[in-house]
N, C-alpha and C. Protein backbone atom coordinates (compact mmCIF):
# COMPACT_ATOMS: atom_id res chain seq x y z
N MET A 1 249.25 -22.75 -59.00
CA MET A 1 248.72 -23.64 -58.01
C MET A 1 247.36 -22.78 -57.35
N ASN A 2 246.28 -23.70 -57.81
CA ASN A 2 244.87 -22.98 -57.28
C ASN A 2 244.87 -22.86 -55.33
N ASP A 3 243.78 -22.16 -55.11
CA ASP A 3 243.66 -22.11 -53.70
C ASP A 3 243.33 -23.59 -52.94
N GLU A 4 242.73 -24.42 -53.85
CA GLU A 4 242.35 -25.97 -53.08
C GLU A 4 243.80 -26.78 -53.02
N ASP A 5 244.50 -26.39 -54.29
CA ASP A 5 245.90 -27.16 -53.83
C ASP A 5 246.70 -26.59 -53.02
N ALA A 6 246.86 -25.27 -52.50
CA ALA A 6 247.26 -24.74 -51.44
C ALA A 6 246.86 -25.17 -50.22
N LEU A 7 245.69 -25.12 -50.23
CA LEU A 7 244.97 -25.92 -48.86
C LEU A 7 245.29 -27.05 -48.48
N ILE A 8 245.43 -28.00 -49.73
CA ILE A 8 245.99 -29.34 -49.61
C ILE A 8 247.31 -29.54 -49.12
N GLU A 9 248.24 -28.94 -49.64
CA GLU A 9 249.56 -28.71 -49.36
C GLU A 9 249.94 -28.28 -47.81
N SER A 10 249.03 -27.08 -47.40
CA SER A 10 249.20 -26.59 -46.21
C SER A 10 248.61 -27.50 -45.04
N ALA A 11 247.62 -28.33 -45.58
CA ALA A 11 247.03 -29.36 -44.46
C ALA A 11 248.12 -30.49 -44.53
N LEU A 12 248.60 -30.88 -45.62
CA LEU A 12 249.95 -31.89 -45.54
C LEU A 12 251.04 -31.52 -44.69
N ALA A 13 251.15 -30.32 -44.68
CA ALA A 13 252.56 -29.75 -43.95
C ALA A 13 252.02 -29.61 -42.25
N GLY A 14 250.80 -30.07 -41.99
CA GLY A 14 250.36 -29.95 -40.47
C GLY A 14 249.54 -28.86 -40.10
N ASN A 15 249.09 -27.98 -41.35
CA ASN A 15 248.09 -27.16 -40.57
C ASN A 15 246.60 -27.49 -40.84
N SER A 16 246.00 -27.80 -39.59
CA SER A 16 244.96 -28.71 -39.64
C SER A 16 243.75 -27.40 -40.22
N SER A 17 244.03 -26.09 -39.79
CA SER A 17 243.06 -24.93 -40.04
C SER A 17 242.93 -25.05 -41.76
N SER A 18 243.77 -25.19 -42.35
CA SER A 18 243.54 -25.52 -43.94
C SER A 18 242.50 -26.75 -44.38
N PHE A 19 242.75 -27.77 -43.43
CA PHE A 19 241.76 -29.03 -43.85
C PHE A 19 240.40 -28.36 -43.60
N GLU A 20 240.49 -27.59 -42.19
CA GLU A 20 239.06 -27.24 -41.64
C GLU A 20 238.45 -26.43 -42.95
N ILE A 21 238.97 -25.58 -43.56
CA ILE A 21 238.53 -24.67 -44.46
C ILE A 21 237.98 -25.77 -45.80
N LEU A 22 238.80 -26.77 -46.18
CA LEU A 22 238.17 -27.73 -47.03
C LEU A 22 236.75 -28.41 -46.48
N VAL A 23 236.82 -28.62 -45.25
CA VAL A 23 235.72 -29.11 -44.76
C VAL A 23 234.38 -28.39 -45.05
N THR A 24 234.69 -26.88 -44.37
CA THR A 24 233.43 -25.98 -44.39
C THR A 24 232.81 -25.87 -45.80
N ARG A 25 233.89 -25.92 -46.84
CA ARG A 25 233.49 -25.47 -48.18
C ARG A 25 232.91 -26.81 -48.74
N TYR A 26 233.12 -28.20 -48.43
CA TYR A 26 232.29 -29.29 -49.05
C TYR A 26 231.25 -29.90 -48.13
N GLN A 27 231.17 -29.61 -46.86
CA GLN A 27 230.48 -30.46 -46.05
C GLN A 27 228.97 -30.32 -46.35
N ASP A 28 228.11 -29.25 -46.44
CA ASP A 28 227.03 -29.20 -47.21
C ASP A 28 226.40 -29.57 -48.12
N ARG A 29 227.41 -29.52 -49.41
CA ARG A 29 227.11 -30.51 -50.55
C ARG A 29 227.39 -31.89 -50.48
N LEU A 30 228.44 -32.49 -49.56
CA LEU A 30 228.47 -33.53 -49.71
C LEU A 30 227.53 -34.39 -48.72
N TYR A 31 226.89 -33.72 -47.67
CA TYR A 31 225.89 -34.08 -46.96
C TYR A 31 224.44 -33.98 -47.69
N THR A 32 224.41 -33.06 -48.43
CA THR A 32 223.15 -33.38 -49.26
C THR A 32 223.13 -34.42 -50.29
N ALA A 33 224.22 -34.71 -50.88
CA ALA A 33 224.33 -35.69 -51.73
C ALA A 33 224.08 -37.14 -51.14
N MET A 34 224.70 -37.27 -49.59
CA MET A 34 224.90 -38.46 -49.14
C MET A 34 223.31 -38.64 -48.68
N ILE A 35 222.54 -37.73 -48.28
CA ILE A 35 220.99 -37.97 -47.81
C ILE A 35 220.54 -38.95 -49.14
N SER A 36 220.49 -38.61 -50.11
CA SER A 36 220.20 -38.97 -51.75
C SER A 36 220.53 -40.35 -51.55
N VAL A 37 221.88 -40.75 -51.14
CA VAL A 37 222.35 -42.27 -51.44
C VAL A 37 221.85 -43.08 -50.27
N VAL A 38 221.97 -42.68 -49.20
CA VAL A 38 221.79 -43.21 -47.98
C VAL A 38 220.06 -43.35 -47.43
N GLY A 39 219.65 -42.22 -47.76
CA GLY A 39 218.22 -42.02 -47.18
C GLY A 39 217.64 -41.85 -46.11
N SER A 40 218.68 -41.00 -45.23
CA SER A 40 218.55 -41.07 -43.89
C SER A 40 219.37 -39.74 -43.74
N THR A 41 218.86 -38.39 -42.93
CA THR A 41 219.72 -37.59 -42.64
C THR A 41 220.78 -38.22 -41.52
N ASP A 42 220.59 -38.97 -40.61
CA ASP A 42 221.32 -39.63 -39.67
C ASP A 42 222.45 -40.13 -40.30
N GLU A 43 221.96 -40.95 -40.84
CA GLU A 43 223.20 -41.99 -41.81
C GLU A 43 223.88 -41.03 -42.58
N ALA A 44 223.43 -39.90 -43.14
CA ALA A 44 224.43 -39.22 -44.11
C ALA A 44 225.14 -38.40 -43.14
N GLU A 45 224.81 -37.85 -41.89
CA GLU A 45 225.69 -37.38 -41.13
C GLU A 45 226.93 -37.91 -40.73
N ASP A 46 226.78 -39.41 -40.29
CA ASP A 46 227.42 -40.44 -39.98
C ASP A 46 228.40 -40.39 -41.12
N VAL A 47 227.95 -40.43 -42.34
CA VAL A 47 228.99 -41.04 -43.51
C VAL A 47 229.61 -39.64 -43.67
N VAL A 48 229.31 -38.70 -43.77
CA VAL A 48 230.11 -37.35 -44.04
C VAL A 48 231.11 -37.25 -42.99
N GLN A 49 230.83 -37.35 -41.80
CA GLN A 49 231.69 -37.35 -40.50
C GLN A 49 232.92 -38.32 -40.88
N GLU A 50 232.55 -39.50 -40.96
CA GLU A 50 233.63 -40.63 -41.48
C GLU A 50 234.53 -40.27 -42.60
N SER A 51 233.70 -39.84 -43.62
CA SER A 51 234.33 -39.33 -44.91
C SER A 51 235.62 -38.44 -44.74
N PHE A 52 235.16 -37.31 -43.86
CA PHE A 52 236.41 -36.03 -43.33
C PHE A 52 237.34 -36.79 -43.00
N ILE A 53 237.22 -37.77 -41.98
CA ILE A 53 238.12 -38.18 -41.41
C ILE A 53 238.99 -39.19 -41.74
N GLN A 54 238.49 -40.02 -42.73
CA GLN A 54 239.31 -40.68 -43.79
C GLN A 54 240.32 -39.93 -44.92
N ALA A 55 239.45 -38.88 -45.28
CA ALA A 55 240.10 -38.14 -45.98
C ALA A 55 241.29 -37.30 -45.49
N TYR A 56 241.11 -36.92 -44.18
CA TYR A 56 242.25 -36.39 -43.63
C TYR A 56 243.25 -37.22 -43.28
N LEU A 57 243.07 -38.46 -43.09
CA LEU A 57 243.95 -39.50 -42.69
C LEU A 57 244.71 -39.96 -43.88
N LYS A 58 243.97 -39.95 -45.21
CA LYS A 58 244.58 -40.08 -46.47
C LYS A 58 244.97 -39.38 -47.47
N LEU A 59 244.97 -38.19 -46.80
CA LEU A 59 245.52 -37.11 -47.61
C LEU A 59 246.46 -37.06 -48.50
N ASP A 60 247.65 -37.77 -48.02
CA ASP A 60 248.72 -37.91 -48.71
C ASP A 60 248.63 -38.94 -49.91
N THR A 61 247.50 -39.51 -49.89
CA THR A 61 246.98 -40.50 -50.92
C THR A 61 246.61 -39.82 -52.26
N PHE A 62 246.05 -38.43 -51.85
CA PHE A 62 245.21 -37.84 -52.80
C PHE A 62 246.18 -37.70 -54.08
N GLN A 63 246.13 -38.06 -55.22
CA GLN A 63 246.91 -37.85 -56.17
C GLN A 63 246.69 -36.67 -57.19
N ARG A 64 245.51 -36.06 -56.81
CA ARG A 64 245.16 -34.71 -57.76
C ARG A 64 244.99 -34.80 -59.26
N ASN A 65 244.52 -36.19 -59.54
CA ASN A 65 244.39 -36.23 -60.89
C ASN A 65 242.43 -36.05 -61.28
N SER A 66 242.14 -35.86 -60.02
CA SER A 66 240.73 -35.24 -59.87
C SER A 66 240.69 -34.20 -59.14
N ARG A 67 239.31 -33.49 -59.16
CA ARG A 67 239.18 -32.59 -57.84
C ARG A 67 238.93 -33.00 -56.65
N PHE A 68 239.53 -32.24 -55.73
CA PHE A 68 239.30 -32.86 -54.42
C PHE A 68 237.96 -33.34 -53.67
N PHE A 69 237.11 -32.48 -54.52
CA PHE A 69 235.53 -32.66 -54.11
C PHE A 69 235.35 -33.93 -54.78
N THR A 70 235.47 -34.53 -55.90
CA THR A 70 235.42 -35.74 -56.74
C THR A 70 236.02 -36.92 -55.65
N TRP A 71 237.17 -36.93 -55.33
CA TRP A 71 238.07 -37.87 -54.45
C TRP A 71 237.25 -37.85 -53.23
N LEU A 72 236.73 -36.91 -52.37
CA LEU A 72 236.25 -36.76 -51.15
C LEU A 72 234.69 -37.60 -51.38
N TYR A 73 234.15 -37.21 -52.72
CA TYR A 73 233.01 -37.79 -52.72
C TYR A 73 233.06 -39.30 -52.94
N ARG A 74 233.98 -39.80 -53.54
CA ARG A 74 234.30 -41.10 -53.73
C ARG A 74 234.33 -41.81 -52.64
N ILE A 75 235.19 -41.20 -51.60
CA ILE A 75 235.35 -42.01 -50.40
C ILE A 75 233.98 -42.00 -49.63
N ALA A 76 233.15 -40.96 -49.68
CA ALA A 76 231.91 -41.10 -49.00
C ALA A 76 231.06 -41.96 -49.54
N PHE A 77 230.99 -41.95 -51.00
CA PHE A 77 230.06 -42.90 -51.80
C PHE A 77 230.32 -44.07 -51.38
N ASN A 78 231.64 -44.54 -51.18
CA ASN A 78 232.18 -46.08 -51.09
C ASN A 78 231.59 -46.53 -49.67
N TYR A 79 231.91 -45.27 -48.65
CA TYR A 79 231.58 -45.85 -47.06
C TYR A 79 230.13 -45.93 -47.24
N ALA A 80 229.33 -45.03 -47.93
CA ALA A 80 227.99 -44.99 -47.80
C ALA A 80 227.40 -46.26 -48.27
N LEU A 81 227.83 -46.92 -49.64
CA LEU A 81 227.21 -48.23 -49.77
C LEU A 81 227.77 -49.63 -49.05
N ALA A 82 228.93 -49.37 -48.49
CA ALA A 82 229.22 -50.36 -47.44
C ALA A 82 228.52 -50.32 -46.30
N ARG A 83 228.07 -49.08 -45.67
CA ARG A 83 227.04 -48.85 -44.45
C ARG A 83 225.70 -49.37 -44.97
N ARG A 84 225.32 -49.23 -46.12
CA ARG A 84 223.95 -49.51 -46.66
C ARG A 84 223.96 -51.01 -46.77
N ARG A 85 224.93 -51.54 -47.55
CA ARG A 85 225.10 -53.05 -47.57
C ARG A 85 224.95 -54.09 -46.13
N ARG A 86 225.68 -53.24 -44.89
CA ARG A 86 225.42 -53.72 -43.71
C ARG A 86 224.33 -53.67 -43.21
N ASN A 87 223.34 -52.43 -43.32
CA ASN A 87 222.48 -52.02 -42.47
C ASN A 87 221.29 -52.64 -43.40
N ARG A 88 221.05 -52.39 -44.58
CA ARG A 88 220.11 -52.82 -45.32
C ARG A 88 218.88 -52.49 -44.85
N GLY A 89 218.59 -51.05 -44.24
CA GLY A 89 217.35 -50.43 -43.68
C GLY A 89 216.49 -50.04 -45.01
N HIS A 90 215.40 -49.79 -44.66
CA HIS A 90 214.52 -49.14 -45.71
C HIS A 90 213.93 -47.84 -45.12
N LEU A 91 213.76 -46.72 -45.95
CA LEU A 91 213.64 -45.51 -45.72
C LEU A 91 212.13 -45.38 -45.20
N SER A 92 211.87 -44.70 -44.09
CA SER A 92 210.35 -44.79 -43.53
C SER A 92 209.75 -43.50 -44.36
N LEU A 93 208.02 -43.36 -44.39
CA LEU A 93 207.55 -42.05 -44.90
C LEU A 93 207.98 -40.96 -44.42
N ASP A 94 208.18 -40.63 -42.88
CA ASP A 94 208.67 -39.89 -42.30
C ASP A 94 210.30 -39.26 -42.81
N GLU A 95 210.74 -40.12 -42.88
CA GLU A 95 212.46 -39.94 -43.55
C GLU A 95 212.34 -39.37 -44.88
N GLY A 96 211.26 -39.85 -45.42
CA GLY A 96 211.29 -39.69 -47.30
C GLY A 96 210.57 -38.00 -47.22
N ARG A 97 209.47 -37.60 -45.88
CA ARG A 97 209.22 -36.35 -45.99
C ARG A 97 210.26 -35.51 -45.58
N GLU A 98 211.09 -36.07 -44.62
CA GLU A 98 212.16 -34.83 -44.13
C GLU A 98 213.26 -34.51 -45.28
N ILE A 99 213.57 -35.86 -46.21
CA ILE A 99 214.37 -35.66 -47.36
C ILE A 99 213.74 -34.92 -48.35
N ALA A 100 212.73 -34.89 -48.69
CA ALA A 100 212.05 -33.98 -49.64
C ALA A 100 212.19 -32.56 -49.33
N GLY A 101 211.75 -32.33 -48.04
CA GLY A 101 212.02 -30.99 -47.87
C GLY A 101 211.19 -29.94 -48.51
N SER A 102 211.19 -28.92 -48.54
CA SER A 102 210.82 -28.10 -49.51
C SER A 102 211.43 -27.04 -50.33
N GLU A 103 211.03 -27.01 -51.47
CA GLU A 103 211.95 -25.78 -52.64
C GLU A 103 211.73 -24.56 -52.19
N PRO A 104 212.86 -23.63 -52.81
CA PRO A 104 212.35 -22.42 -52.68
C PRO A 104 211.23 -22.23 -53.65
N THR A 105 210.20 -20.87 -53.51
CA THR A 105 209.10 -20.91 -54.22
C THR A 105 209.59 -19.57 -54.96
N SER A 106 208.83 -19.54 -56.20
CA SER A 106 208.75 -18.43 -57.08
C SER A 106 207.59 -17.37 -56.45
N LYS A 107 208.13 -16.21 -56.65
CA LYS A 107 207.23 -14.97 -56.00
C LYS A 107 205.75 -14.82 -57.00
N VAL A 108 205.86 -15.77 -58.15
CA VAL A 108 204.48 -15.55 -58.80
C VAL A 108 204.11 -16.96 -58.87
N GLU A 109 204.39 -17.73 -58.06
CA GLU A 109 203.99 -19.39 -57.78
C GLU A 109 202.37 -19.27 -57.31
N ARG A 110 201.94 -20.02 -58.14
CA ARG A 110 200.63 -20.41 -57.05
C ARG A 110 200.45 -21.11 -56.16
N PRO A 111 199.93 -21.25 -55.05
CA PRO A 111 199.83 -21.78 -53.70
C PRO A 111 199.95 -23.59 -54.18
N ASP A 112 198.92 -23.81 -54.87
CA ASP A 112 198.95 -25.40 -55.07
C ASP A 112 200.01 -25.85 -55.78
N SER A 113 200.69 -25.05 -56.75
CA SER A 113 201.90 -25.31 -57.33
C SER A 113 203.04 -26.06 -56.49
N ARG A 114 203.25 -25.13 -55.11
CA ARG A 114 204.27 -25.56 -54.60
C ARG A 114 203.94 -27.06 -53.58
N MET A 115 202.62 -27.40 -53.24
CA MET A 115 202.12 -28.61 -52.66
C MET A 115 202.43 -29.60 -53.90
N SER A 116 201.90 -29.18 -55.00
CA SER A 116 202.42 -30.54 -56.07
C SER A 116 203.94 -30.91 -56.18
N ARG A 117 204.57 -29.85 -56.38
CA ARG A 117 205.96 -29.98 -56.36
C ARG A 117 206.65 -30.57 -55.46
N ASP A 118 206.02 -30.53 -53.95
CA ASP A 118 206.73 -31.33 -52.70
C ASP A 118 206.32 -32.44 -52.83
N GLU A 119 205.00 -32.63 -53.45
CA GLU A 119 204.54 -34.15 -53.41
C GLU A 119 205.57 -34.92 -54.58
N ASP A 120 205.89 -34.31 -55.59
CA ASP A 120 206.61 -34.69 -56.79
C ASP A 120 208.05 -35.23 -56.22
N VAL A 121 208.47 -34.33 -55.50
CA VAL A 121 210.04 -34.60 -54.55
C VAL A 121 209.82 -35.75 -53.80
N ARG A 122 208.89 -35.90 -52.97
CA ARG A 122 208.78 -37.00 -52.08
C ARG A 122 208.75 -38.18 -53.00
N LEU A 123 207.88 -38.34 -54.19
CA LEU A 123 207.95 -39.49 -54.84
C LEU A 123 208.89 -39.85 -55.43
N VAL A 124 209.47 -38.86 -56.04
CA VAL A 124 210.94 -39.13 -56.61
C VAL A 124 211.94 -39.73 -55.54
N HIS A 125 211.97 -39.39 -54.52
CA HIS A 125 212.94 -39.94 -53.34
C HIS A 125 212.37 -41.25 -52.96
N GLU A 126 210.99 -41.41 -52.95
CA GLU A 126 210.53 -42.68 -52.93
C GLU A 126 210.72 -43.70 -54.08
N ALA A 127 210.55 -43.19 -54.90
CA ALA A 127 210.99 -44.38 -55.92
C ALA A 127 212.55 -44.51 -56.16
N LEU A 128 213.25 -43.43 -56.00
CA LEU A 128 214.83 -43.73 -55.76
C LEU A 128 215.26 -44.67 -54.85
N ALA A 129 214.43 -44.81 -53.88
CA ALA A 129 215.03 -45.65 -52.76
C ALA A 129 214.55 -47.09 -53.22
N GLU A 130 213.67 -47.39 -54.24
CA GLU A 130 213.51 -48.53 -54.75
C GLU A 130 214.42 -49.35 -55.86
N LEU A 131 214.93 -48.25 -56.19
CA LEU A 131 216.13 -48.55 -57.72
C LEU A 131 217.33 -49.45 -56.96
N SER A 132 217.87 -50.14 -57.71
CA SER A 132 219.40 -51.00 -57.29
C SER A 132 220.16 -49.66 -56.72
N GLU A 133 221.20 -50.21 -56.18
CA GLU A 133 222.37 -49.10 -55.85
C GLU A 133 222.89 -48.50 -56.94
N ASP A 134 223.05 -49.35 -57.77
CA ASP A 134 223.88 -48.99 -59.24
C ASP A 134 223.05 -47.69 -59.89
N HIS A 135 221.65 -48.06 -59.97
CA HIS A 135 220.78 -47.07 -60.72
C HIS A 135 220.57 -45.77 -59.76
N ARG A 136 220.38 -46.11 -58.57
CA ARG A 136 220.39 -45.10 -57.51
C ARG A 136 221.60 -43.97 -57.59
N SER A 137 222.71 -44.78 -57.26
CA SER A 137 224.04 -43.74 -57.37
C SER A 137 224.30 -43.11 -58.53
N ILE A 138 224.09 -43.65 -59.98
CA ILE A 138 224.31 -42.78 -61.22
C ILE A 138 223.29 -41.72 -61.24
N LEU A 139 222.02 -42.14 -60.98
CA LEU A 139 221.16 -40.72 -60.82
C LEU A 139 221.40 -39.66 -59.85
N VAL A 140 221.89 -40.07 -58.86
CA VAL A 140 222.17 -39.12 -57.83
C VAL A 140 223.42 -38.22 -58.39
N LEU A 141 224.40 -38.97 -58.65
CA LEU A 141 225.52 -38.19 -59.46
C LEU A 141 225.46 -37.58 -60.22
N ARG A 142 224.63 -37.79 -61.39
CA ARG A 142 224.42 -36.85 -62.52
C ARG A 142 223.27 -35.87 -62.40
N GLU A 143 222.26 -36.24 -61.58
CA GLU A 143 220.88 -35.50 -61.72
C GLU A 143 220.88 -34.69 -60.48
N MET A 144 221.49 -34.84 -59.33
CA MET A 144 221.17 -34.20 -58.21
C MET A 144 222.44 -33.55 -57.91
N GLU A 145 223.79 -34.23 -58.25
CA GLU A 145 224.97 -33.51 -58.10
C GLU A 145 225.78 -32.92 -59.24
N ASP A 146 224.86 -33.01 -60.34
CA ASP A 146 225.31 -32.49 -61.31
C ASP A 146 226.74 -32.75 -62.08
N MET A 147 227.14 -34.13 -61.83
CA MET A 147 228.58 -34.31 -62.19
C MET A 147 228.73 -34.52 -63.88
N ALA A 148 229.72 -34.23 -64.21
CA ALA A 148 230.01 -34.57 -65.67
C ALA A 148 230.32 -36.19 -65.95
N TYR A 149 229.93 -36.73 -66.93
CA TYR A 149 230.26 -38.04 -67.17
C TYR A 149 231.48 -38.78 -66.85
N GLU A 150 232.71 -37.75 -67.02
CA GLU A 150 233.90 -38.11 -66.86
C GLU A 150 233.85 -38.08 -65.38
N GLU A 151 233.60 -37.32 -64.50
CA GLU A 151 233.58 -37.26 -63.03
C GLU A 151 232.75 -38.66 -62.47
N ILE A 152 231.64 -38.81 -63.11
CA ILE A 152 230.89 -40.08 -62.78
C ILE A 152 231.80 -41.45 -62.79
N ALA A 153 232.58 -41.44 -63.95
CA ALA A 153 233.10 -42.58 -64.32
C ALA A 153 234.33 -42.89 -63.25
N ASP A 154 234.82 -41.48 -62.95
CA ASP A 154 236.11 -41.53 -61.93
C ASP A 154 235.54 -42.27 -60.36
N VAL A 155 234.42 -41.57 -59.99
CA VAL A 155 233.93 -41.87 -58.91
C VAL A 155 233.40 -43.27 -58.71
N LEU A 156 232.70 -43.82 -59.66
CA LEU A 156 232.07 -45.43 -59.70
C LEU A 156 233.44 -46.23 -60.36
N HIS A 157 234.38 -45.93 -60.87
CA HIS A 157 235.27 -46.65 -61.56
C HIS A 157 234.82 -47.45 -62.50
N ILE A 158 233.94 -46.90 -63.56
CA ILE A 158 233.40 -47.35 -64.81
C ILE A 158 233.87 -46.74 -65.89
N SER A 159 233.73 -47.04 -66.91
CA SER A 159 233.91 -46.33 -68.39
C SER A 159 232.77 -45.39 -68.64
N ILE A 160 233.27 -44.44 -69.41
CA ILE A 160 232.35 -43.33 -69.92
C ILE A 160 231.15 -43.95 -70.50
N GLY A 161 231.31 -44.91 -71.41
CA GLY A 161 230.19 -45.85 -72.02
C GLY A 161 229.34 -46.46 -70.97
N THR A 162 229.99 -46.97 -69.93
CA THR A 162 229.29 -47.58 -69.10
C THR A 162 228.35 -46.63 -68.41
N VAL A 163 228.78 -45.47 -68.23
CA VAL A 163 228.18 -44.48 -67.43
C VAL A 163 226.76 -44.13 -68.44
N ARG A 164 227.10 -43.77 -69.39
CA ARG A 164 225.91 -43.37 -70.44
C ARG A 164 224.93 -44.49 -70.35
N SER A 165 225.27 -45.79 -70.43
CA SER A 165 224.32 -46.88 -70.79
C SER A 165 223.46 -47.10 -69.21
N ARG A 166 224.35 -47.17 -68.32
CA ARG A 166 223.66 -47.21 -67.10
C ARG A 166 222.75 -46.31 -66.72
N LEU A 167 223.29 -44.99 -66.88
CA LEU A 167 222.23 -44.04 -66.86
C LEU A 167 220.97 -43.72 -67.42
N ASN A 168 220.99 -44.28 -68.80
CA ASN A 168 219.91 -44.69 -69.57
C ASN A 168 218.80 -45.51 -68.74
N ARG A 169 219.70 -46.55 -68.41
CA ARG A 169 218.51 -47.59 -67.75
C ARG A 169 218.26 -47.48 -66.53
N ALA A 170 218.76 -46.65 -65.80
CA ALA A 170 218.47 -46.00 -64.26
C ALA A 170 217.43 -44.99 -64.76
N ARG A 171 217.46 -44.23 -65.74
CA ARG A 171 216.28 -43.18 -65.94
C ARG A 171 215.02 -44.01 -66.06
N PHE A 172 215.19 -44.96 -66.73
CA PHE A 172 213.96 -45.69 -67.39
C PHE A 172 213.32 -46.66 -66.25
N ALA A 173 214.54 -47.06 -65.24
CA ALA A 173 213.89 -47.85 -64.10
C ALA A 173 213.14 -46.53 -62.98
N LEU A 174 213.77 -45.53 -62.93
CA LEU A 174 213.05 -44.49 -62.36
C LEU A 174 211.71 -44.06 -62.77
N LYS A 175 211.58 -43.94 -64.14
CA LYS A 175 210.44 -43.72 -64.59
C LYS A 175 209.31 -44.62 -64.26
N GLN A 176 209.57 -45.95 -64.78
CA GLN A 176 208.98 -47.30 -64.15
C GLN A 176 208.49 -47.01 -62.87
N GLN A 177 209.25 -46.63 -61.82
CA GLN A 177 208.92 -46.77 -60.40
C GLN A 177 207.84 -45.69 -60.13
N LEU A 178 208.35 -44.42 -60.78
CA LEU A 178 207.22 -43.29 -60.70
C LEU A 178 205.91 -43.71 -60.82
N GLU A 179 205.72 -44.26 -62.35
CA GLU A 179 204.42 -44.79 -62.80
C GLU A 179 203.57 -45.58 -61.95
N LYS A 180 204.27 -46.26 -61.05
CA LYS A 180 203.23 -47.23 -59.92
C LYS A 180 202.88 -46.30 -59.03
N PHE A 181 203.00 -44.81 -58.90
CA PHE A 181 202.35 -44.10 -58.03
C PHE A 181 201.25 -43.68 -58.82
N PRO A 182 200.05 -43.66 -58.50
CA PRO A 182 198.76 -42.91 -59.20
C PRO A 182 198.72 -41.77 -59.12
N GLN A 183 199.56 -40.89 -58.14
CA GLN A 183 199.46 -39.55 -58.00
C GLN A 183 200.31 -38.94 -58.79
N TRP A 184 201.36 -39.64 -59.40
CA TRP A 184 202.49 -39.11 -60.07
C TRP A 184 202.05 -38.47 -61.63
N ASN A 185 202.36 -37.23 -61.61
CA ASN A 185 201.90 -36.59 -62.82
C ASN A 185 203.10 -35.65 -63.24
N PRO A 186 203.65 -36.05 -64.39
CA PRO A 186 205.16 -35.67 -64.98
C PRO A 186 204.85 -34.45 -65.60
N GLU A 187 203.41 -34.16 -65.82
CA GLU A 187 203.13 -32.98 -66.71
C GLU A 187 203.38 -31.42 -65.61
N THR A 188 203.56 -31.62 -64.08
CA THR A 188 203.45 -30.75 -63.33
C THR A 188 204.89 -29.90 -63.25
């Protein structure tokens, strides 16, 4: 039994501090992923909070045929999509800038390269916001969460072949969206 299994068993036995450890372990990673899915930091906070509540309430249904984070991510992802369908809001430019944030810089990096990278990140987030939910979700899972094809198939309830083909179409759709921006420069 690994550490995660022990924490789950302890939480199921009524030890809430064990579940708190799982929350602490995964909250930042889940929050970052949900920002990319919902397009808003406020929405992401709500989704993450609700997802942990649901995970706690349904912990006895976790069958452990996947990692806990994969199961938790599936809960959050499904909840985020349901909220998104209800709200159908669009990402504002200010929220896009907030999401893009700034990346760590190299000690030998030129000052203008950081500005260029920040602009590229902003453009990618804007282009992602224009994609269909299917395309956006698969790109977030693979490229931002670095999930394996098997994990993506599990989260989205699709076959691995569908993951491959949808990912290919999503990358092409993202490329088309990015090419609409005159300032996009894939060489940087």
